[in-house]
Amino acid sequence: MTKEQKQIATTELIMLDMNDVMDITGWCENVVRHTFAYDENFPAIKKGKKYQVELGAFKEYLSKRRTNKQE
């Protein structure tokens, strides 16, 4: 990977952790933890004990309506 490619990847790839998601959405810690850990549609990445989500994937996740109903 060239320096230019690395710089592009660094500026284009924005990773959010649980605290970032709580700040952005206003969701409580329990909701965010449950979403990261158990929502199969949530685009979470787990590295060690830490969860992250890419900003673009998070925006896409939020763009779709979800309900608690079991279908």
N, C-alpha and C. Protein backbone atom coordinates (compact mmCIF):
# COMPACT_ATOMS: atom_id res chain seq x y z
N MET A 1 0.85 -1.17 0.00
CA MET A 1 0.00 0.00 0.00
C MET A 1 0.90 1.24 0.00
N THR A 2 0.60 2.15 -0.89
CA THR A 2 1.41 3.36 -0.98
C THR A 2 0.98 4.35 0.10
N LYS A 3 1.79 5.38 0.30
CA LYS A 3 1.45 6.40 1.29
C LYS A 3 0.14 7.09 0.92
N GLU A 4 -0.05 7.33 -0.36
CA GLU A 4 -1.28 7.98 -0.82
C GLU A 4 -2.50 7.11 -0.56
N GLN A 5 -2.39 5.83 -0.84
CA GLN A 5 -3.51 4.91 -0.59
C GLN A 5 -3.81 4.83 0.90
N LYS A 6 -2.77 4.80 1.72
CA LYS A 6 -2.96 4.72 3.16
C LYS A 6 -3.65 5.98 3.68
N GLN A 7 -3.27 7.14 3.15
CA GLN A 7 -3.89 8.40 3.57
C GLN A 7 -5.37 8.43 3.18
N ILE A 8 -5.69 7.97 1.97
CA ILE A 8 -7.08 7.92 1.52
C ILE A 8 -7.89 7.00 2.41
N ALA A 9 -7.35 5.82 2.71
CA ALA A 9 -8.05 4.85 3.56
C ALA A 9 -8.28 5.42 4.96
N THR A 10 -7.29 6.13 5.48
CA THR A 10 -7.41 6.70 6.82
C THR A 10 -8.47 7.78 6.88
N THR A 11 -8.56 8.60 5.84
CA THR A 11 -9.55 9.68 5.85
C THR A 11 -10.94 9.19 5.47
N GLU A 12 -11.04 8.14 4.67
CA GLU A 12 -12.33 7.63 4.23
C GLU A 12 -12.96 6.66 5.22
N LEU A 13 -12.16 5.95 5.97
CA LEU A 13 -12.64 4.93 6.89
C LEU A 13 -12.75 5.52 8.30
N ILE A 14 -13.98 5.74 8.74
CA ILE A 14 -14.21 6.30 10.06
C ILE A 14 -14.90 5.23 10.91
N MET A 15 -14.22 4.82 11.96
CA MET A 15 -14.73 3.79 12.85
C MET A 15 -15.29 4.43 14.11
N LEU A 16 -16.49 3.98 14.51
CA LEU A 16 -17.14 4.47 15.71
C LEU A 16 -17.16 3.36 16.76
N ASP A 17 -16.93 3.72 18.01
CA ASP A 17 -17.07 2.73 19.08
C ASP A 17 -18.40 2.95 19.78
N MET A 18 -18.66 2.21 20.84
CA MET A 18 -19.96 2.29 21.52
C MET A 18 -20.22 3.69 22.07
N ASN A 19 -19.20 4.33 22.62
CA ASN A 19 -19.39 5.67 23.16
C ASN A 19 -19.76 6.67 22.07
N ASP A 20 -19.14 6.54 20.90
CA ASP A 20 -19.47 7.42 19.78
C ASP A 20 -20.93 7.24 19.38
N VAL A 21 -21.38 5.99 19.31
CA VAL A 21 -22.77 5.70 18.92
C VAL A 21 -23.74 6.26 19.97
N MET A 22 -23.40 6.15 21.25
CA MET A 22 -24.25 6.71 22.30
C MET A 22 -24.34 8.23 22.16
N ASP A 23 -23.21 8.88 21.89
CA ASP A 23 -23.20 10.34 21.73
C ASP A 23 -24.02 10.78 20.52
N ILE A 24 -23.87 10.09 19.41
CA ILE A 24 -24.54 10.46 18.18
C ILE A 24 -26.05 10.24 18.27
N THR A 25 -26.46 9.10 18.81
CA THR A 25 -27.87 8.72 18.79
C THR A 25 -28.65 9.14 20.02
N GLY A 26 -27.97 9.28 21.16
CA GLY A 26 -28.65 9.55 22.41
C GLY A 26 -29.21 8.29 23.05
N TRP A 27 -28.87 7.13 22.49
CA TRP A 27 -29.31 5.85 23.05
C TRP A 27 -28.55 5.59 24.34
N CYS A 28 -29.19 4.87 25.27
CA CYS A 28 -28.53 4.53 26.52
C CYS A 28 -27.51 3.40 26.29
N GLU A 29 -26.66 3.20 27.26
CA GLU A 29 -25.59 2.20 27.15
C GLU A 29 -26.14 0.79 26.94
N ASN A 30 -27.21 0.44 27.64
CA ASN A 30 -27.78 -0.91 27.51
C ASN A 30 -28.28 -1.17 26.10
N VAL A 31 -28.94 -0.20 25.49
CA VAL A 31 -29.44 -0.35 24.13
C VAL A 31 -28.28 -0.53 23.15
N VAL A 32 -27.25 0.29 23.30
CA VAL A 32 -26.10 0.22 22.39
C VAL A 32 -25.37 -1.12 22.56
N ARG A 33 -25.15 -1.54 23.79
CA ARG A 33 -24.47 -2.83 24.02
C ARG A 33 -25.27 -3.98 23.42
N HIS A 34 -26.57 -3.97 23.62
CA HIS A 34 -27.42 -5.04 23.08
C HIS A 34 -27.39 -5.02 21.55
N THR A 35 -27.46 -3.83 20.97
CA THR A 35 -27.45 -3.71 19.51
C THR A 35 -26.15 -4.24 18.93
N PHE A 36 -25.02 -3.82 19.49
CA PHE A 36 -23.72 -4.28 19.00
C PHE A 36 -23.58 -5.79 19.15
N ALA A 37 -24.02 -6.34 20.27
CA ALA A 37 -23.78 -7.75 20.57
C ALA A 37 -24.78 -8.71 19.93
N TYR A 38 -26.06 -8.31 19.82
CA TYR A 38 -27.08 -9.28 19.45
C TYR A 38 -27.87 -8.99 18.18
N ASP A 39 -27.85 -7.78 17.68
CA ASP A 39 -28.61 -7.47 16.47
C ASP A 39 -27.86 -8.01 15.26
N GLU A 40 -28.42 -9.03 14.63
CA GLU A 40 -27.74 -9.68 13.50
C GLU A 40 -27.61 -8.77 12.29
N ASN A 41 -28.47 -7.76 12.18
CA ASN A 41 -28.40 -6.84 11.05
C ASN A 41 -27.45 -5.67 11.29
N PHE A 42 -26.99 -5.51 12.52
CA PHE A 42 -26.10 -4.39 12.84
C PHE A 42 -24.68 -4.72 12.36
N PRO A 43 -24.06 -3.80 11.63
CA PRO A 43 -22.75 -4.09 11.02
C PRO A 43 -21.57 -3.91 11.98
N ALA A 44 -21.63 -4.54 13.13
CA ALA A 44 -20.58 -4.41 14.14
C ALA A 44 -19.37 -5.26 13.79
N ILE A 45 -18.23 -4.76 14.18
CA ILE A 45 -16.96 -5.48 14.05
C ILE A 45 -16.43 -5.65 15.47
N LYS A 46 -16.05 -6.86 15.84
CA LYS A 46 -15.51 -7.08 17.17
C LYS A 46 -14.03 -7.39 17.05
N LYS A 47 -13.22 -6.57 17.72
CA LYS A 47 -11.78 -6.77 17.74
C LYS A 47 -11.38 -6.93 19.20
N GLY A 48 -11.07 -8.15 19.58
CA GLY A 48 -10.80 -8.42 20.99
C GLY A 48 -12.09 -8.28 21.77
N LYS A 49 -12.08 -7.40 22.75
CA LYS A 49 -13.28 -7.15 23.55
C LYS A 49 -14.00 -5.88 23.11
N LYS A 50 -13.47 -5.20 22.11
CA LYS A 50 -14.02 -3.91 21.71
C LYS A 50 -14.82 -4.03 20.42
N TYR A 51 -16.01 -3.44 20.42
CA TYR A 51 -16.85 -3.39 19.24
C TYR A 51 -16.66 -2.06 18.52
N GLN A 52 -16.77 -2.10 17.19
CA GLN A 52 -16.73 -0.90 16.37
C GLN A 52 -17.69 -1.06 15.21
N VAL A 53 -18.06 0.07 14.62
CA VAL A 53 -18.88 0.06 13.42
C VAL A 53 -18.37 1.17 12.51
N GLU A 54 -18.35 0.89 11.21
CA GLU A 54 -17.90 1.89 10.24
C GLU A 54 -19.04 2.89 10.02
N LEU A 55 -18.70 4.17 9.92
CA LEU A 55 -19.69 5.24 9.84
C LEU A 55 -20.68 5.05 8.69
N GLY A 56 -20.20 4.71 7.50
CA GLY A 56 -21.08 4.51 6.34
C GLY A 56 -22.06 3.37 6.56
N ALA A 57 -21.57 2.28 7.12
CA ALA A 57 -22.44 1.13 7.40
C ALA A 57 -23.46 1.47 8.48
N PHE A 58 -23.05 2.27 9.45
CA PHE A 58 -23.96 2.70 10.52
C PHE A 58 -25.07 3.58 9.96
N LYS A 59 -24.71 4.50 9.06
CA LYS A 59 -25.72 5.35 8.42
C LYS A 59 -26.72 4.51 7.64
N GLU A 60 -26.22 3.52 6.92
CA GLU A 60 -27.11 2.63 6.16
C GLU A 60 -28.04 1.86 7.09
N TYR A 61 -27.52 1.37 8.20
CA TYR A 61 -28.33 0.65 9.19
C TYR A 61 -29.45 1.55 9.70
N LEU A 62 -29.14 2.79 10.00
CA LEU A 62 -30.14 3.71 10.52
C LEU A 62 -31.17 4.14 9.48
N SER A 63 -30.85 3.98 8.21
CA SER A 63 -31.76 4.43 7.16
C SER A 63 -32.95 3.49 6.96
N LYS A 64 -32.91 2.31 7.58
CA LYS A 64 -33.99 1.34 7.41
C LYS A 64 -34.82 1.23 8.68
N ARG A 65 -36.12 1.16 8.50
CA ARG A 65 -37.04 1.05 9.63
C ARG A 65 -36.97 -0.36 10.23
N ARG A 66 -36.95 -0.37 11.56
CA ARG A 66 -36.95 -1.64 12.27
C ARG A 66 -38.00 -1.59 13.36
N THR A 67 -38.63 -2.72 13.62
CA THR A 67 -39.62 -2.82 14.69
C THR A 67 -39.26 -3.99 15.59
N ASN A 68 -39.89 -4.06 16.74
CA ASN A 68 -39.65 -5.16 17.68
C ASN A 68 -40.49 -6.38 17.38
N LYS A 69 -41.38 -6.29 16.40
CA LYS A 69 -42.27 -7.39 16.08
C LYS A 69 -41.50 -8.55 15.47
N GLN A 70 -41.84 -9.76 15.89
CA GLN A 70 -41.28 -10.97 15.30
C GLN A 70 -42.12 -11.33 14.08
N GLU A 71 -41.48 -11.47 12.93
CA GLU A 71 -42.24 -11.80 11.71
C GLU A 71 -41.99 -13.21 11.29
